[in-house]
Amino acid sequence: MDPGARKLLSDVTARRRFSARSHSRVLRVARSIADLAGRAAIARADIAEALSYRRWPAGG
């Protein structure tokens, strides 16, 4: 995982107070996105895309 991806995931995890399970799910989806794109490492864009698939509570 590149440093930008690591920082984005860390920042969102802290800001949104993700559980360990939520963190793992985002990481797993991002890994799948990177695999489908043929990349060996997870990029910041992969984390951002994985986060875009999450449901967010209203007002949050």
N, C-alpha and C. Protein backbone atom coordinates (compact mmCIF):
# COMPACT_ATOMS: atom_id res chain seq x y z
N MET A 1 0.85 -1.17 0.00
CA MET A 1 0.00 0.00 0.00
C MET A 1 0.90 1.23 0.00
N ASP A 2 0.58 2.18 -0.87
CA ASP A 2 1.42 3.37 -0.92
C ASP A 2 1.11 4.30 0.26
N PRO A 3 2.04 5.20 0.61
CA PRO A 3 1.85 6.06 1.78
C PRO A 3 0.59 6.92 1.72
N GLY A 4 0.22 7.40 0.54
CA GLY A 4 -0.99 8.20 0.41
C GLY A 4 -2.24 7.40 0.73
N ALA A 5 -2.25 6.15 0.29
CA ALA A 5 -3.39 5.26 0.57
C ALA A 5 -3.48 4.97 2.06
N ARG A 6 -2.33 4.71 2.66
CA ARG A 6 -2.29 4.41 4.10
C ARG A 6 -2.80 5.61 4.91
N LYS A 7 -2.38 6.82 4.53
CA LYS A 7 -2.80 8.02 5.25
C LYS A 7 -4.30 8.28 5.08
N LEU A 8 -4.80 8.12 3.84
CA LEU A 8 -6.23 8.32 3.60
C LEU A 8 -7.05 7.36 4.44
N LEU A 9 -6.70 6.09 4.43
CA LEU A 9 -7.45 5.10 5.20
C LEU A 9 -7.38 5.40 6.68
N SER A 10 -6.21 5.77 7.16
CA SER A 10 -6.03 6.09 8.57
C SER A 10 -6.86 7.31 8.97
N ASP A 11 -6.84 8.35 8.14
CA ASP A 11 -7.59 9.57 8.44
C ASP A 11 -9.10 9.31 8.46
N VAL A 12 -9.59 8.59 7.46
CA VAL A 12 -11.03 8.32 7.41
C VAL A 12 -11.44 7.40 8.54
N THR A 13 -10.62 6.42 8.86
CA THR A 13 -10.92 5.51 9.96
C THR A 13 -11.06 6.27 11.27
N ALA A 14 -10.16 7.20 11.51
CA ALA A 14 -10.21 7.98 12.75
C ALA A 14 -11.39 8.96 12.74
N ARG A 15 -11.57 9.66 11.62
CA ARG A 15 -12.62 10.68 11.54
C ARG A 15 -14.02 10.07 11.64
N ARG A 16 -14.22 8.94 10.97
CA ARG A 16 -15.53 8.28 10.96
C ARG A 16 -15.68 7.23 12.06
N ARG A 17 -14.62 7.05 12.84
CA ARG A 17 -14.63 6.08 13.95
C ARG A 17 -15.03 4.68 13.47
N PHE A 18 -14.34 4.21 12.43
CA PHE A 18 -14.59 2.88 11.90
C PHE A 18 -14.19 1.83 12.92
N SER A 19 -14.93 0.75 12.94
CA SER A 19 -14.54 -0.41 13.72
C SER A 19 -13.42 -1.13 12.97
N ALA A 20 -12.79 -2.07 13.63
CA ALA A 20 -11.74 -2.85 12.97
C ALA A 20 -12.32 -3.62 11.79
N ARG A 21 -13.56 -4.08 11.94
CA ARG A 21 -14.21 -4.81 10.84
C ARG A 21 -14.45 -3.90 9.64
N SER A 22 -14.89 -2.67 9.88
CA SER A 22 -15.11 -1.71 8.79
C SER A 22 -13.80 -1.39 8.08
N HIS A 23 -12.75 -1.20 8.86
CA HIS A 23 -11.42 -0.92 8.31
C HIS A 23 -10.99 -2.07 7.40
N SER A 24 -11.16 -3.29 7.87
CA SER A 24 -10.78 -4.48 7.10
C SER A 24 -11.59 -4.60 5.81
N ARG A 25 -12.87 -4.28 5.89
CA ARG A 25 -13.71 -4.38 4.70
C ARG A 25 -13.28 -3.39 3.63
N VAL A 26 -13.00 -2.15 4.04
CA VAL A 26 -12.53 -1.15 3.07
C VAL A 26 -11.23 -1.63 2.44
N LEU A 27 -10.33 -2.13 3.27
CA LEU A 27 -9.04 -2.61 2.78
C LEU A 27 -9.22 -3.79 1.81
N ARG A 28 -10.14 -4.68 2.13
CA ARG A 28 -10.38 -5.84 1.27
C ARG A 28 -10.95 -5.42 -0.09
N VAL A 29 -11.88 -4.47 -0.08
CA VAL A 29 -12.45 -3.98 -1.34
C VAL A 29 -11.37 -3.26 -2.15
N ALA A 30 -10.56 -2.44 -1.47
CA ALA A 30 -9.47 -1.73 -2.16
C ALA A 30 -8.47 -2.71 -2.77
N ARG A 31 -8.19 -3.78 -2.07
CA ARG A 31 -7.28 -4.81 -2.60
C ARG A 31 -7.86 -5.43 -3.86
N SER A 32 -9.16 -5.70 -3.87
CA SER A 32 -9.82 -6.25 -5.04
C SER A 32 -9.77 -5.28 -6.21
N ILE A 33 -9.98 -3.99 -5.94
CA ILE A 33 -9.93 -2.97 -6.98
C ILE A 33 -8.53 -2.92 -7.59
N ALA A 34 -7.51 -2.94 -6.75
CA ALA A 34 -6.13 -2.92 -7.23
C ALA A 34 -5.83 -4.18 -8.05
N ASP A 35 -6.30 -5.33 -7.60
CA ASP A 35 -6.09 -6.57 -8.34
C ASP A 35 -6.73 -6.51 -9.72
N LEU A 36 -7.95 -6.02 -9.78
CA LEU A 36 -8.65 -5.93 -11.07
C LEU A 36 -7.96 -4.95 -12.02
N ALA A 37 -7.30 -3.95 -11.45
CA ALA A 37 -6.56 -2.98 -12.27
C ALA A 37 -5.16 -3.47 -12.62
N GLY A 38 -4.77 -4.61 -12.06
CA GLY A 38 -3.47 -5.19 -12.37
C GLY A 38 -2.32 -4.57 -11.60
N ARG A 39 -2.62 -3.93 -10.47
CA ARG A 39 -1.58 -3.31 -9.66
C ARG A 39 -1.20 -4.21 -8.49
N ALA A 40 0.09 -4.23 -8.17
CA ALA A 40 0.57 -5.04 -7.06
C ALA A 40 0.29 -4.37 -5.71
N ALA A 41 0.26 -3.05 -5.71
CA ALA A 41 0.06 -2.30 -4.46
C ALA A 41 -1.24 -1.53 -4.52
N ILE A 42 -1.84 -1.32 -3.36
CA ILE A 42 -3.06 -0.53 -3.26
C ILE A 42 -2.69 0.94 -3.35
N ALA A 43 -3.36 1.66 -4.24
CA ALA A 43 -3.12 3.09 -4.43
C ALA A 43 -4.18 3.90 -3.68
N ARG A 44 -3.90 5.19 -3.52
CA ARG A 44 -4.84 6.09 -2.85
C ARG A 44 -6.20 6.07 -3.55
N ALA A 45 -6.18 6.02 -4.87
CA ALA A 45 -7.42 5.99 -5.65
C ALA A 45 -8.23 4.73 -5.36
N ASP A 46 -7.57 3.62 -5.07
CA ASP A 46 -8.26 2.37 -4.74
C ASP A 46 -9.00 2.50 -3.41
N ILE A 47 -8.34 3.12 -2.43
CA ILE A 47 -8.98 3.36 -1.13
C ILE A 47 -10.17 4.29 -1.31
N ALA A 48 -9.97 5.37 -2.08
CA ALA A 48 -11.05 6.33 -2.31
C ALA A 48 -12.25 5.65 -2.98
N GLU A 49 -11.98 4.79 -3.97
CA GLU A 49 -13.07 4.09 -4.64
C GLU A 49 -13.77 3.13 -3.68
N ALA A 50 -13.01 2.41 -2.89
CA ALA A 50 -13.61 1.49 -1.91
C ALA A 50 -14.48 2.26 -0.92
N LEU A 51 -14.03 3.42 -0.50
CA LEU A 51 -14.82 4.24 0.43
C LEU A 51 -16.10 4.74 -0.24
N SER A 52 -16.05 4.97 -1.53
CA SER A 52 -17.23 5.48 -2.24
C SER A 52 -18.35 4.44 -2.29
N TYR A 53 -18.03 3.17 -2.10
CA TYR A 53 -19.04 2.12 -2.11
C TYR A 53 -19.71 1.92 -0.75
N ARG A 54 -19.19 2.57 0.27
CA ARG A 54 -19.77 2.44 1.61
C ARG A 54 -21.06 3.24 1.73
N ARG A 55 -21.94 2.77 2.57
CA ARG A 55 -23.13 3.55 2.91
C ARG A 55 -22.75 4.45 4.08
N TRP A 56 -23.12 5.70 3.97
CA TRP A 56 -22.82 6.66 5.04
C TRP A 56 -24.13 7.05 5.71
N PRO A 57 -24.13 7.19 7.03
CA PRO A 57 -25.35 7.60 7.71
C PRO A 57 -25.78 9.00 7.28
N ALA A 58 -27.07 9.25 7.30
CA ALA A 58 -27.60 10.56 6.93
C ALA A 58 -27.00 11.63 7.85
N GLY A 59 -26.57 12.71 7.25
CA GLY A 59 -25.99 13.80 8.03
C GLY A 59 -24.55 13.56 8.42
N GLY A 60 -23.94 12.45 7.99
CA GLY A 60 -22.58 12.15 8.40
C GLY A 60 -21.70 12.10 7.26
